[in-house]
Amino acid sequence: MKQKKHLRLGDLLVNVGKITDEQLQLALEIQKERRIKLGEVLKELNLVTSREIVEVLEFQLGIAQVDLENIQLSRKLFMCFLRILQDITL
């Protein structure tokens, strides 16, 4: 069975027009020197936002992002999660 090949983050960002090839090359040089993730370099250079990186990764992986920040759980459901977490950590 042939595996689907994923493009690297930088290539995806170039393909969708978020950054140029030159910006990618600069970011890759900085990444190599500092040994940090490419996305962090691109954000530090103000070339992309965290949201733009997530959007590209959603596309690449075919998985939608779920924003849990504004989700409100019922007390009953919250207590269920706590019990599950306690069971896992025991």
C-alpha atoms as a PDB file:
ATOM      1  CA  MET A   1       0.000   0.000   0.000  1.00  0.00           C
ATOM      2  CA  LYS A   2       1.434   3.337  -1.038  1.00  0.00           C
ATOM      3  CA  GLN A   3       1.630   5.983   1.677  1.00  0.00           C
ATOM      4  CA  LYS A   4       0.414   9.507   0.970  1.00  0.00           C
ATOM      5  CA  LYS A   5       3.357  11.906   1.061  1.00  0.00           C
ATOM      6  CA  HIS A   6       2.883  15.047   3.107  1.00  0.00           C
ATOM      7  CA  LEU A   7       4.538  18.299   2.135  1.00  0.00           C
ATOM      8  CA  ARG A   8       6.613  19.966   4.792  1.00  0.00           C
ATOM      9  CA  LEU A   9       5.160  22.966   6.616  1.00  0.00           C
ATOM     10  CA  GLY A  10       7.350  25.482   4.816  1.00  0.00           C
ATOM     11  CA  ASP A  11       6.474  24.064   1.394  1.00  0.00           C
ATOM     12  CA  LEU A  12       2.775  24.182   2.249  1.00  0.00           C
ATOM     13  CA  LEU A  13       3.021  27.807   3.329  1.00  0.00           C
ATOM     14  CA  VAL A  14       4.769  28.703   0.068  1.00  0.00           C
ATOM     15  CA  ASN A  15       2.196  26.768  -1.972  1.00  0.00           C
ATOM     16  CA  VAL A  16      -0.718  28.643  -0.424  1.00  0.00           C
ATOM     17  CA  GLY A  17       1.022  31.995  -0.790  1.00  0.00           C
ATOM     18  CA  LYS A  18       1.554  32.767   2.898  1.00  0.00           C
ATOM     19  CA  ILE A  19       5.340  33.117   2.461  1.00  0.00           C
ATOM     20  CA  THR A  20       7.800  33.302  -0.430  1.00  0.00           C
ATOM     21  CA  ASP A  21      10.590  30.859  -1.252  1.00  0.00           C
ATOM     22  CA  GLU A  22      13.101  33.472  -0.092  1.00  0.00           C
ATOM     23  CA  GLN A  23      11.347  33.895   3.253  1.00  0.00           C
ATOM     24  CA  LEU A  24      11.288  30.124   3.684  1.00  0.00           C
ATOM     25  CA  GLN A  25      15.008  29.845   2.980  1.00  0.00           C
ATOM     26  CA  LEU A  26      15.780  32.588   5.512  1.00  0.00           C
ATOM     27  CA  ALA A  27      13.589  30.902   8.124  1.00  0.00           C
ATOM     28  CA  LEU A  28      15.231  27.518   7.460  1.00  0.00           C
ATOM     29  CA  GLU A  29      18.688  29.042   7.982  1.00  0.00           C
ATOM     30  CA  ILE A  30      17.583  30.558  11.286  1.00  0.00           C
ATOM     31  CA  GLN A  31      15.945  27.279  12.282  1.00  0.00           C
ATOM     32  CA  LYS A  32      19.150  25.390  11.607  1.00  0.00           C
ATOM     33  CA  GLU A  33      21.247  27.865  13.619  1.00  0.00           C
ATOM     34  CA  ARG A  34      18.895  28.056  16.587  1.00  0.00           C
ATOM     35  CA  ARG A  35      17.540  24.497  16.479  1.00  0.00           C
ATOM     36  CA  ILE A  36      13.927  25.489  17.006  1.00  0.00           C
ATOM     37  CA  LYS A  37      10.734  24.613  15.158  1.00  0.00           C
ATOM     38  CA  LEU A  38      10.189  26.255  11.796  1.00  0.00           C
ATOM     39  CA  GLY A  39       6.782  27.551  12.840  1.00  0.00           C
ATOM     40  CA  GLU A  40       8.355  29.378  15.789  1.00  0.00           C
ATOM     41  CA  VAL A  41      10.878  31.049  13.482  1.00  0.00           C
ATOM     42  CA  LEU A  42       8.167  32.082  11.026  1.00  0.00           C
ATOM     43  CA  LYS A  43       6.090  33.564  13.853  1.00  0.00           C
ATOM     44  CA  GLU A  44       9.096  35.431  15.301  1.00  0.00           C
ATOM     45  CA  LEU A  45       9.748  36.934  11.860  1.00  0.00           C
ATOM     46  CA  ASN A  46       6.065  37.959  11.723  1.00  0.00           C
ATOM     47  CA  LEU A  47       5.625  36.041   8.480  1.00  0.00           C
ATOM     48  CA  VAL A  48       2.706  33.943   9.710  1.00  0.00           C
ATOM     49  CA  THR A  49       0.422  33.715  12.709  1.00  0.00           C
ATOM     50  CA  SER A  50      -0.255  30.671  14.854  1.00  0.00           C
ATOM     51  CA  ARG A  51      -3.717  30.531  13.307  1.00  0.00           C
ATOM     52  CA  GLU A  52      -2.271  30.412   9.771  1.00  0.00           C
ATOM     53  CA  ILE A  53       0.007  27.536  10.745  1.00  0.00           C
ATOM     54  CA  VAL A  54      -2.941  25.648  12.228  1.00  0.00           C
ATOM     55  CA  GLU A  55      -5.001  26.239   9.078  1.00  0.00           C
ATOM     56  CA  VAL A  56      -2.241  24.832   6.861  1.00  0.00           C
ATOM     57  CA  LEU A  57      -1.778  21.809   9.131  1.00  0.00           C
ATOM     58  CA  GLU A  58      -5.545  21.218   9.164  1.00  0.00           C
ATOM     59  CA  PHE A  59      -5.439  21.089   5.375  1.00  0.00           C
ATOM     60  CA  GLN A  60      -2.366  18.854   5.281  1.00  0.00           C
ATOM     61  CA  LEU A  61      -3.637  16.353   7.815  1.00  0.00           C
ATOM     62  CA  GLY A  62      -7.299  16.516   6.824  1.00  0.00           C
ATOM     63  CA  ILE A  63      -8.260  17.086  10.447  1.00  0.00           C
ATOM     64  CA  ALA A  64     -10.282  20.073  11.606  1.00  0.00           C
ATOM     65  CA  GLN A  65      -9.135  22.066  14.601  1.00  0.00           C
ATOM     66  CA  VAL A  66     -11.400  22.083  17.621  1.00  0.00           C
ATOM     67  CA  ASP A  67     -11.268  25.221  19.751  1.00  0.00           C
ATOM     68  CA  LEU A  68     -12.000  24.131  23.309  1.00  0.00           C
ATOM     69  CA  GLU A  69     -11.376  27.531  24.872  1.00  0.00           C
ATOM     70  CA  ASN A  70     -15.017  28.606  24.786  1.00  0.00           C
ATOM     71  CA  ILE A  71     -16.586  25.203  25.410  1.00  0.00           C
ATOM     72  CA  GLN A  72     -18.644  25.001  28.584  1.00  0.00           C
ATOM     73  CA  LEU A  73     -19.012  21.562  30.127  1.00  0.00           C
ATOM     74  CA  SER A  74     -21.770  20.544  32.468  1.00  0.00           C
ATOM     75  CA  ARG A  75     -20.654  19.765  36.001  1.00  0.00           C
ATOM     76  CA  LYS A  76     -21.620  16.111  35.505  1.00  0.00           C
ATOM     77  CA  LEU A  77     -19.485  15.782  32.374  1.00  0.00           C
ATOM     78  CA  PHE A  78     -16.586  17.590  34.032  1.00  0.00           C
ATOM     79  CA  MET A  79     -16.682  15.186  36.973  1.00  0.00           C
ATOM     80  CA  CYS A  80     -16.651  12.237  34.517  1.00  0.00           C
ATOM     81  CA  PHE A  81     -13.500  13.615  32.895  1.00  0.00           C
ATOM     82  CA  LEU A  82     -11.863  14.035  36.292  1.00  0.00           C
ATOM     83  CA  ARG A  83     -12.622  10.413  37.194  1.00  0.00           C
ATOM     84  CA  ILE A  84     -11.178   9.198  33.890  1.00  0.00           C
ATOM     85  CA  LEU A  85      -8.036  11.266  34.404  1.00  0.00           C
ATOM     86  CA  GLN A  86      -7.652   9.921  37.924  1.00  0.00           C
ATOM     87  CA  ASP A  87      -7.970   6.350  36.638  1.00  0.00           C
ATOM     88  CA  ILE A  88      -5.348   6.987  33.963  1.00  0.00           C
ATOM     89  CA  THR A  89      -2.828   8.489  36.384  1.00  0.00           C
ATOM     90  CA  LEU A  90      -3.181   5.751  39.006  1.00  0.00           C
END
